[in-house]
Amino acid sequence: MMKSGRNYDLALLLLRLAFGGLMMGLWGKSKFLQLLTENPVQFLDPFGLGDQVTLALSVFAEVFCAALITLGLYTRLACIPLIFNMIMAITYGHAGQPFVEREHAITYLVPYVVIFVMGPGWYSLDAQIRKTMD
């Protein structure tokens, strides 16, 4: 039987793998491909940075930061852009829409907040780097 501490670490690993991988595969990949096309970009731009810049920032969060979370590298730092991105999706991207339209963003927001608060756990590159430094 595993110690309860290792159960938390295993749960954090599964959370990181699931929500990091799903974000990259389901959401980040399509935005990344959209960024590479020569077609004009139409994307949510709540801060007036331009559609292309806002899309690039979203790709950074949903691909690069999600990959870091999956690996457990710079995990808490990588959660911040994703938390921000999900809040923007909830408040701006789906503003005025029924709850069911906001559900995906909320479903992703909660695990990123949990990972941010709890950290990556033992089964992460962050923990292994810390271990070698001690």
Foldseek 3Di string as FASTA:
>chain_A
DDDVQVVVLVVLLVLLQVLLVCLCPPPLVVLVVVLPDPDDADADDPPPPDRNVVSVLSNCLSHVLSVCSNQLHVNLVSLVSLLVVLVCCQPPVQNPHDPVSSVVSVVSNVSSVVCNVPGRHCRHVVNVVVVVVD
